[in-house]
C-alpha atoms as a PDB file:
ATOM      1  CA  UNK A   1      -6.011  10.700  -2.741  1.00  0.00           C
ATOM      2  CA  UNK A   2      -2.830   7.900  -2.015  1.00  0.00           C
ATOM      3  CA  UNK A   3      -2.514   5.330   1.142  1.00  0.00           C
ATOM      4  CA  UNK A   4       0.325   3.534   2.427  1.00  0.00           C
ATOM      5  CA  UNK A   5      -0.072  -0.514   3.155  1.00  0.00           C
ATOM      6  CA  UNK A   6       2.400  -1.807   5.019  1.00  0.00           C
ATOM      7  CA  UNK A   7       3.462  -5.401   6.652  1.00  0.00           C
ATOM      8  CA  UNK A   8       2.713  -7.143   3.418  1.00  0.00           C
ATOM      9  CA  UNK A   9       2.876 -10.394   2.701  1.00  0.00           C
ATOM     10  CA  UNK A  10       6.134 -10.776   0.359  1.00  0.00           C
ATOM     11  CA  UNK A  11       3.980 -12.749  -1.768  1.00  0.00           C
ATOM     12  CA  UNK A  12       1.360 -10.214  -1.787  1.00  0.00           C
ATOM     13  CA  UNK A  13       0.611  -8.224  -5.648  1.00  0.00           C
ATOM     14  CA  UNK A  14      -0.355  -5.135  -7.505  1.00  0.00           C
ATOM     15  CA  UNK A  15      -3.600  -7.124  -8.964  1.00  0.00           C
ATOM     16  CA  UNK A  16      -3.576  -8.381  -5.363  1.00  0.00           C
ATOM     17  CA  UNK A  17      -3.254  -5.184  -3.056  1.00  0.00           C
ATOM     18  CA  UNK A  18      -6.307  -3.385  -6.142  1.00  0.00           C
ATOM     19  CA  UNK A  19      -8.439  -6.599  -5.804  1.00  0.00           C
ATOM     20  CA  UNK A  20      -8.847  -6.270  -1.479  1.00  0.00           C
ATOM     21  CA  UNK A  21      -9.607  -2.951  -1.248  1.00  0.00           C
ATOM     22  CA  UNK A  22     -11.514  -2.988  -4.626  1.00  0.00           C
ATOM     23  CA  UNK A  23     -13.928  -5.167  -2.181  1.00  0.00           C
ATOM     24  CA  UNK A  24     -14.738  -1.623  -0.423  1.00  0.00           C
ATOM     25  CA  UNK A  25     -13.680   1.267  -2.602  1.00  0.00           C
ATOM     26  CA  UNK A  26     -12.875   2.002  -5.723  1.00  0.00           C
ATOM     27  CA  UNK A  27      -9.006   2.029  -6.417  1.00  0.00           C
ATOM     28  CA  UNK A  28      -7.526   3.418  -9.053  1.00  0.00           C
ATOM     29  CA  UNK A  29      -4.110   2.428  -8.771  1.00  0.00           C
ATOM     30  CA  UNK A  30      -2.219  -0.287  -6.342  1.00  0.00           C
ATOM     31  CA  UNK A  31       1.005  -1.079  -6.702  1.00  0.00           C
ATOM     32  CA  UNK A  32       3.914  -3.106  -4.358  1.00  0.00           C
ATOM     33  CA  UNK A  33       7.056  -1.561  -4.512  1.00  0.00           C
ATOM     34  CA  UNK A  34       9.811  -3.586  -5.385  1.00  0.00           C
ATOM     35  CA  UNK A  35      13.458  -3.407  -4.519  1.00  0.00           C
ATOM     36  CA  UNK A  36      15.528  -2.788  -7.175  1.00  0.00           C
ATOM     37  CA  UNK A  37      18.038  -4.799  -6.531  1.00  0.00           C
ATOM     38  CA  UNK A  38      16.195  -8.211  -5.472  1.00  0.00           C
ATOM     39  CA  UNK A  39      13.175  -7.842  -7.837  1.00  0.00           C
ATOM     40  CA  UNK A  40      11.146  -8.607  -4.474  1.00  0.00           C
ATOM     41  CA  UNK A  41       8.884  -7.105  -2.961  1.00  0.00           C
ATOM     42  CA  UNK A  42      10.194  -4.698  -0.647  1.00  0.00           C
ATOM     43  CA  UNK A  43       6.583  -5.589   1.910  1.00  0.00           C
ATOM     44  CA  UNK A  44       4.064  -2.426   1.562  1.00  0.00           C
ATOM     45  CA  UNK A  45       2.439  -0.681  -1.295  1.00  0.00           C
ATOM     46  CA  UNK A  46       0.417   2.379  -2.004  1.00  0.00           C
ATOM     47  CA  UNK A  47      -3.330   2.296  -3.338  1.00  0.00           C
ATOM     48  CA  UNK A  48      -4.560   5.003  -4.854  1.00  0.00           C
ATOM     49  CA  UNK A  49      -8.460   6.079  -3.803  1.00  0.00           C
ATOM     50  CA  UNK A  50     -10.780   6.946  -7.365  1.00  0.00           C
ATOM     51  CA  UNK A  51     -12.644   9.200  -4.982  1.00  0.00           C
ATOM     52  CA  UNK A  52     -11.005  11.192  -1.470  1.00  0.00           C
ATOM     53  CA  UNK A  53     -13.665  10.883   0.712  1.00  0.00           C
ATOM     54  CA  UNK A  54     -13.259   7.119   0.859  1.00  0.00           C
ATOM     55  CA  UNK A  55      -9.989   7.230   2.246  1.00  0.00           C
ATOM     56  CA  UNK A  56     -11.577   6.740   6.566  1.00  0.00           C
ATOM     57  CA  UNK A  57     -13.376   3.778   5.594  1.00  0.00           C
ATOM     58  CA  UNK A  58     -10.355   2.407   3.972  1.00  0.00           C
ATOM     59  CA  UNK A  59      -8.425   2.920   6.607  1.00  0.00           C
ATOM     60  CA  UNK A  60     -11.384   1.688   9.356  1.00  0.00           C
ATOM     61  CA  UNK A  61     -11.525  -1.340   7.258  1.00  0.00           C
ATOM     62  CA  UNK A  62      -8.675  -2.872   6.755  1.00  0.00           C
ATOM     63  CA  UNK A  63      -5.989  -1.718   8.876  1.00  0.00           C
ATOM     64  CA  UNK A  64      -5.326  -4.848  10.751  1.00  0.00           C
ATOM     65  CA  UNK A  65      -6.971  -6.578   9.078  1.00  0.00           C
ATOM     66  CA  UNK A  66      -5.484  -9.917   8.133  1.00  0.00           C
ATOM     67  CA  UNK A  67      -4.757 -10.770   4.734  1.00  0.00           C
ATOM     68  CA  UNK A  68      -1.653 -14.004   3.948  1.00  0.00           C
ATOM     69  CA  UNK A  69      -1.479 -14.125   7.802  1.00  0.00           C
ATOM     70  CA  UNK A  70      -0.127 -10.411   8.214  1.00  0.00           C
ATOM     71  CA  UNK A  71      -1.379  -7.548   9.796  1.00  0.00           C
ATOM     72  CA  UNK A  72      -1.971  -5.131   7.594  1.00  0.00           C
ATOM     73  CA  UNK A  73      -1.251  -1.420   8.403  1.00  0.00           C
ATOM     74  CA  UNK A  74      -2.883   0.804   6.571  1.00  0.00           C
ATOM     75  CA  UNK A  75      -2.706   4.892   6.777  1.00  0.00           C
ATOM     76  CA  UNK A  76      -2.783   8.268   4.451  1.00  0.00           C
ATOM     77  CA  UNK A  77       0.442   8.676   2.785  1.00  0.00           C
ATOM     78  CA  UNK A  78       3.035  11.063   2.990  1.00  0.00           C
ATOM     79  CA  UNK A  79       4.516  13.218   0.452  1.00  0.00           C
ATOM     80  CA  UNK A  80       7.644  11.925  -0.808  1.00  0.00           C
ATOM     81  CA  UNK A  81      11.023  14.141   0.531  1.00  0.00           C
ATOM     82  CA  UNK A  82      13.439  15.135  -1.267  1.00  0.00           C
ATOM     83  CA  UNK A  83      16.858  14.414  -0.990  1.00  0.00           C
ATOM     84  CA  UNK A  84      19.517  10.807  -1.526  1.00  0.00           C
ATOM     85  CA  UNK A  85      16.662   8.546  -1.065  1.00  0.00           C
ATOM     86  CA  UNK A  86      18.726   7.624   2.066  1.00  0.00           C
ATOM     87  CA  UNK A  87      21.951   6.889   0.727  1.00  0.00           C
ATOM     88  CA  UNK A  88      25.103   7.884   1.959  1.00  0.00           C
ATOM     89  CA  UNK A  89      28.094   9.725   0.091  1.00  0.00           C
END
């Protein structure tokens, strides 16, 4: 199960995101999304849980939790839409 984690402080790293969630649930992978052109965090990321059934507990535990001065927004990740990535041609 993959969770979307929004409103991350720009200083949060993949490792920190992993450790935040690993304190409560099994984490397979955690990744902060980085802007390709600037190399800086976009302020959100994704956490893949080891056990899908832990998703509700993780959302309950971390949605609204303050980390680095910001309240996290946590929800089940939606599938990526196909298309042009929002680019206009």
